[in-house]
Amino acid sequence: MSRQLASKAELTRMIQDRISEGKELDGDCRDVKVESVYWHVLDKTGCNWDLGFYNGPPACRGVVDAIVSDLRRRYNLRGD
């Protein structure tokens, strides 16, 4: 499966939108805010980005990680 390309702002917005719409943990994670994603060389999965910073309740980390993992399988960071 080839990945689509997205900017840092687009990826950050996609992550944030999915968190805000989420019902996991009875919606307790909806207010979690994430910082921008960052570029790195292609890893063994073929992805070139990751989440830059997470600051939220520990219980929500798994929810955010699942969202990021899903998006990392589908998108690569565009070099702009």
N, C-alpha and C. Protein backbone atom coordinates (compact mmCIF):
# COMPACT_ATOMS: atom_id res chain seq x y z
N MET A 1 0.85 -1.18 0.00
CA MET A 1 0.00 0.00 0.00
C MET A 1 0.89 1.24 0.00
N SER A 2 0.70 2.11 -0.97
CA SER A 2 1.49 3.33 -1.00
C SER A 2 0.82 4.39 -0.14
N ARG A 3 1.64 5.23 0.43
CA ARG A 3 1.13 6.27 1.32
C ARG A 3 0.83 7.54 0.55
N GLN A 4 -0.20 8.24 1.00
CA GLN A 4 -0.49 9.56 0.48
C GLN A 4 0.45 10.54 1.16
N LEU A 5 0.65 11.71 0.55
CA LEU A 5 1.49 12.74 1.14
C LEU A 5 0.63 13.81 1.80
N ALA A 6 1.10 14.32 2.94
CA ALA A 6 0.39 15.37 3.67
C ALA A 6 1.43 16.28 4.33
N SER A 7 1.06 17.54 4.54
CA SER A 7 1.93 18.49 5.23
C SER A 7 1.89 18.26 6.74
N LYS A 8 2.81 18.90 7.45
CA LYS A 8 2.81 18.83 8.91
C LYS A 8 1.48 19.31 9.48
N ALA A 9 0.99 20.43 8.95
CA ALA A 9 -0.27 20.99 9.44
C ALA A 9 -1.44 20.04 9.18
N GLU A 10 -1.45 19.42 8.00
CA GLU A 10 -2.54 18.49 7.68
C GLU A 10 -2.52 17.26 8.59
N LEU A 11 -1.34 16.70 8.81
CA LEU A 11 -1.24 15.53 9.68
C LEU A 11 -1.63 15.87 11.11
N THR A 12 -1.15 17.00 11.60
CA THR A 12 -1.49 17.43 12.96
C THR A 12 -3.00 17.62 13.08
N ARG A 13 -3.61 18.24 12.08
CA ARG A 13 -5.06 18.46 12.11
C ARG A 13 -5.81 17.13 12.06
N MET A 14 -5.36 16.18 11.25
CA MET A 14 -6.02 14.86 11.18
C MET A 14 -5.97 14.17 12.54
N ILE A 15 -4.82 14.21 13.18
CA ILE A 15 -4.68 13.60 14.50
C ILE A 15 -5.63 14.28 15.47
N GLN A 16 -5.59 15.60 15.50
CA GLN A 16 -6.42 16.36 16.44
C GLN A 16 -7.90 16.13 16.19
N ASP A 17 -8.31 16.09 14.93
CA ASP A 17 -9.72 15.86 14.60
C ASP A 17 -10.18 14.49 15.10
N ARG A 18 -9.36 13.48 14.89
CA ARG A 18 -9.75 12.14 15.34
C ARG A 18 -9.80 12.04 16.85
N ILE A 19 -8.92 12.75 17.54
CA ILE A 19 -8.97 12.76 19.01
C ILE A 19 -10.26 13.45 19.46
N SER A 20 -10.55 14.59 18.87
CA SER A 20 -11.72 15.38 19.27
C SER A 20 -13.03 14.65 19.01
N GLU A 21 -13.06 13.83 17.98
CA GLU A 21 -14.28 13.09 17.63
C GLU A 21 -14.40 11.77 18.38
N GLY A 22 -13.34 11.37 19.05
CA GLY A 22 -13.29 10.05 19.67
C GLY A 22 -14.24 9.86 20.84
N LYS A 23 -14.65 8.61 20.98
CA LYS A 23 -15.53 8.25 22.09
C LYS A 23 -14.83 7.30 23.07
N GLU A 24 -13.55 7.03 22.79
CA GLU A 24 -12.79 6.15 23.65
C GLU A 24 -12.71 6.73 25.06
N LEU A 25 -12.68 5.84 26.03
CA LEU A 25 -12.64 6.25 27.45
C LEU A 25 -13.76 7.23 27.77
N ASP A 26 -14.94 6.96 27.22
CA ASP A 26 -16.13 7.79 27.42
C ASP A 26 -15.93 9.23 26.98
N GLY A 27 -15.08 9.44 26.00
CA GLY A 27 -14.85 10.78 25.48
C GLY A 27 -13.91 11.62 26.32
N ASP A 28 -13.30 11.03 27.35
CA ASP A 28 -12.42 11.79 28.24
C ASP A 28 -11.16 12.31 27.55
N CYS A 29 -10.85 11.78 26.37
CA CYS A 29 -9.62 12.18 25.68
C CYS A 29 -9.87 13.30 24.67
N ARG A 30 -11.09 13.71 24.49
CA ARG A 30 -11.43 14.70 23.45
C ARG A 30 -10.69 16.03 23.60
N ASP A 31 -10.31 16.38 24.81
CA ASP A 31 -9.66 17.68 25.03
C ASP A 31 -8.13 17.61 24.94
N VAL A 32 -7.58 16.43 24.65
CA VAL A 32 -6.14 16.29 24.51
C VAL A 32 -5.69 17.07 23.28
N LYS A 33 -4.63 17.83 23.42
CA LYS A 33 -4.06 18.60 22.31
C LYS A 33 -2.69 18.03 21.98
N VAL A 34 -2.40 17.95 20.69
CA VAL A 34 -1.09 17.45 20.26
C VAL A 34 -0.33 18.56 19.57
N GLU A 35 0.99 18.47 19.66
CA GLU A 35 1.86 19.40 18.95
C GLU A 35 2.10 18.86 17.56
N SER A 36 2.86 19.57 16.79
CA SER A 36 3.14 19.20 15.41
C SER A 36 3.89 17.88 15.30
N VAL A 37 3.78 17.27 14.14
CA VAL A 37 4.53 16.07 13.83
C VAL A 37 5.93 16.48 13.38
N TYR A 38 6.85 15.55 13.34
CA TYR A 38 8.20 15.85 12.87
C TYR A 38 8.63 14.82 11.83
N TRP A 39 9.52 15.24 10.94
CA TRP A 39 10.06 14.40 9.88
C TRP A 39 11.24 13.60 10.40
N HIS A 40 11.41 12.39 9.90
CA HIS A 40 12.62 11.61 10.12
C HIS A 40 12.85 10.74 8.88
N VAL A 41 14.03 10.18 8.76
CA VAL A 41 14.31 9.30 7.63
C VAL A 41 13.34 8.12 7.68
N LEU A 42 13.10 7.52 6.53
CA LEU A 42 12.18 6.39 6.48
C LEU A 42 12.58 5.33 7.50
N ASP A 43 11.60 4.87 8.27
CA ASP A 43 11.88 3.80 9.22
C ASP A 43 11.59 2.45 8.55
N LYS A 44 11.67 1.38 9.31
CA LYS A 44 11.50 0.05 8.74
C LYS A 44 10.09 -0.19 8.19
N THR A 45 9.12 0.63 8.60
CA THR A 45 7.76 0.49 8.08
C THR A 45 7.54 1.31 6.81
N GLY A 46 8.52 2.17 6.48
CA GLY A 46 8.39 3.02 5.30
C GLY A 46 7.78 4.37 5.59
N CYS A 47 7.62 4.71 6.86
CA CYS A 47 7.05 6.00 7.25
C CYS A 47 8.16 6.99 7.58
N ASN A 48 7.89 8.29 7.35
CA ASN A 48 8.91 9.32 7.56
C ASN A 48 8.51 10.39 8.57
N TRP A 49 7.55 10.10 9.43
CA TRP A 49 7.15 11.10 10.43
C TRP A 49 6.66 10.41 11.70
N ASP A 50 6.56 11.23 12.75
CA ASP A 50 5.98 10.76 14.01
C ASP A 50 5.44 11.96 14.77
N LEU A 51 4.72 11.69 15.82
CA LEU A 51 4.14 12.75 16.66
C LEU A 51 5.25 13.41 17.45
N GLY A 52 5.29 14.75 17.44
CA GLY A 52 6.35 15.48 18.10
C GLY A 52 6.24 15.54 19.60
N PHE A 53 5.03 15.64 20.14
CA PHE A 53 4.90 15.85 21.57
C PHE A 53 3.49 15.47 22.00
N TYR A 54 3.38 14.82 23.13
CA TYR A 54 2.08 14.48 23.70
C TYR A 54 2.06 14.98 25.13
N ASN A 55 1.03 15.71 25.47
CA ASN A 55 0.86 16.17 26.83
C ASN A 55 -0.61 16.02 27.18
N GLY A 56 -0.92 14.96 27.85
CA GLY A 56 -2.30 14.69 28.23
C GLY A 56 -2.34 13.60 29.28
N PRO A 57 -3.53 13.20 29.67
CA PRO A 57 -3.65 12.16 30.69
C PRO A 57 -3.01 10.85 30.21
N PRO A 58 -2.30 10.16 31.09
CA PRO A 58 -1.68 8.90 30.71
C PRO A 58 -2.68 7.90 30.13
N ALA A 59 -3.90 7.91 30.61
CA ALA A 59 -4.91 6.97 30.12
C ALA A 59 -5.22 7.19 28.65
N CYS A 60 -4.99 8.39 28.15
CA CYS A 60 -5.30 8.72 26.76
C CYS A 60 -4.15 8.42 25.81
N ARG A 61 -2.98 8.15 26.31
CA ARG A 61 -1.82 7.93 25.46
C ARG A 61 -2.05 6.79 24.47
N GLY A 62 -2.66 5.71 24.91
CA GLY A 62 -2.93 4.58 24.03
C GLY A 62 -3.88 4.95 22.89
N VAL A 63 -4.86 5.78 23.19
CA VAL A 63 -5.81 6.24 22.17
C VAL A 63 -5.06 7.06 21.11
N VAL A 64 -4.23 7.98 21.57
CA VAL A 64 -3.46 8.83 20.65
C VAL A 64 -2.48 7.98 19.84
N ASP A 65 -1.81 7.03 20.49
CA ASP A 65 -0.87 6.16 19.79
C ASP A 65 -1.56 5.36 18.69
N ALA A 66 -2.77 4.88 18.95
CA ALA A 66 -3.52 4.11 17.95
C ALA A 66 -3.87 4.98 16.75
N ILE A 67 -4.28 6.22 17.00
CA ILE A 67 -4.61 7.15 15.92
C ILE A 67 -3.37 7.44 15.09
N VAL A 68 -2.25 7.74 15.75
CA VAL A 68 -1.01 8.03 15.04
C VAL A 68 -0.55 6.82 14.24
N SER A 69 -0.63 5.63 14.81
CA SER A 69 -0.23 4.42 14.10
C SER A 69 -1.04 4.22 12.83
N ASP A 70 -2.34 4.43 12.93
CA ASP A 70 -3.20 4.30 11.75
C ASP A 70 -2.81 5.29 10.67
N LEU A 71 -2.59 6.54 11.05
CA LEU A 71 -2.24 7.57 10.07
C LEU A 71 -0.84 7.36 9.52
N ARG A 72 0.08 6.84 10.32
CA ARG A 72 1.45 6.55 9.83
C ARG A 72 1.42 5.46 8.75
N ARG A 73 0.47 4.53 8.83
CA ARG A 73 0.35 3.50 7.80
C ARG A 73 -0.20 4.07 6.50
N ARG A 74 -0.91 5.19 6.57
CA ARG A 74 -1.59 5.73 5.40
C ARG A 74 -0.93 6.96 4.78
N TYR A 75 -0.10 7.69 5.56
CA TYR A 75 0.46 8.96 5.09
C TYR A 75 1.95 9.05 5.34
N ASN A 76 2.64 9.76 4.45
CA ASN A 76 4.01 10.20 4.67
C ASN A 76 4.01 11.72 4.66
N LEU A 77 5.01 12.28 5.29
CA LEU A 77 5.13 13.73 5.39
C LEU A 77 5.69 14.29 4.08
N ARG A 78 4.97 15.24 3.54
CA ARG A 78 5.40 15.90 2.31
C ARG A 78 6.54 16.84 2.66
N GLY A 79 7.52 16.95 1.82
CA GLY A 79 8.70 17.78 2.09
C GLY A 79 8.50 19.22 1.67
N ASP A 80 7.56 19.94 2.37
CA ASP A 80 7.39 21.36 2.04
C ASP A 80 7.46 22.24 3.25
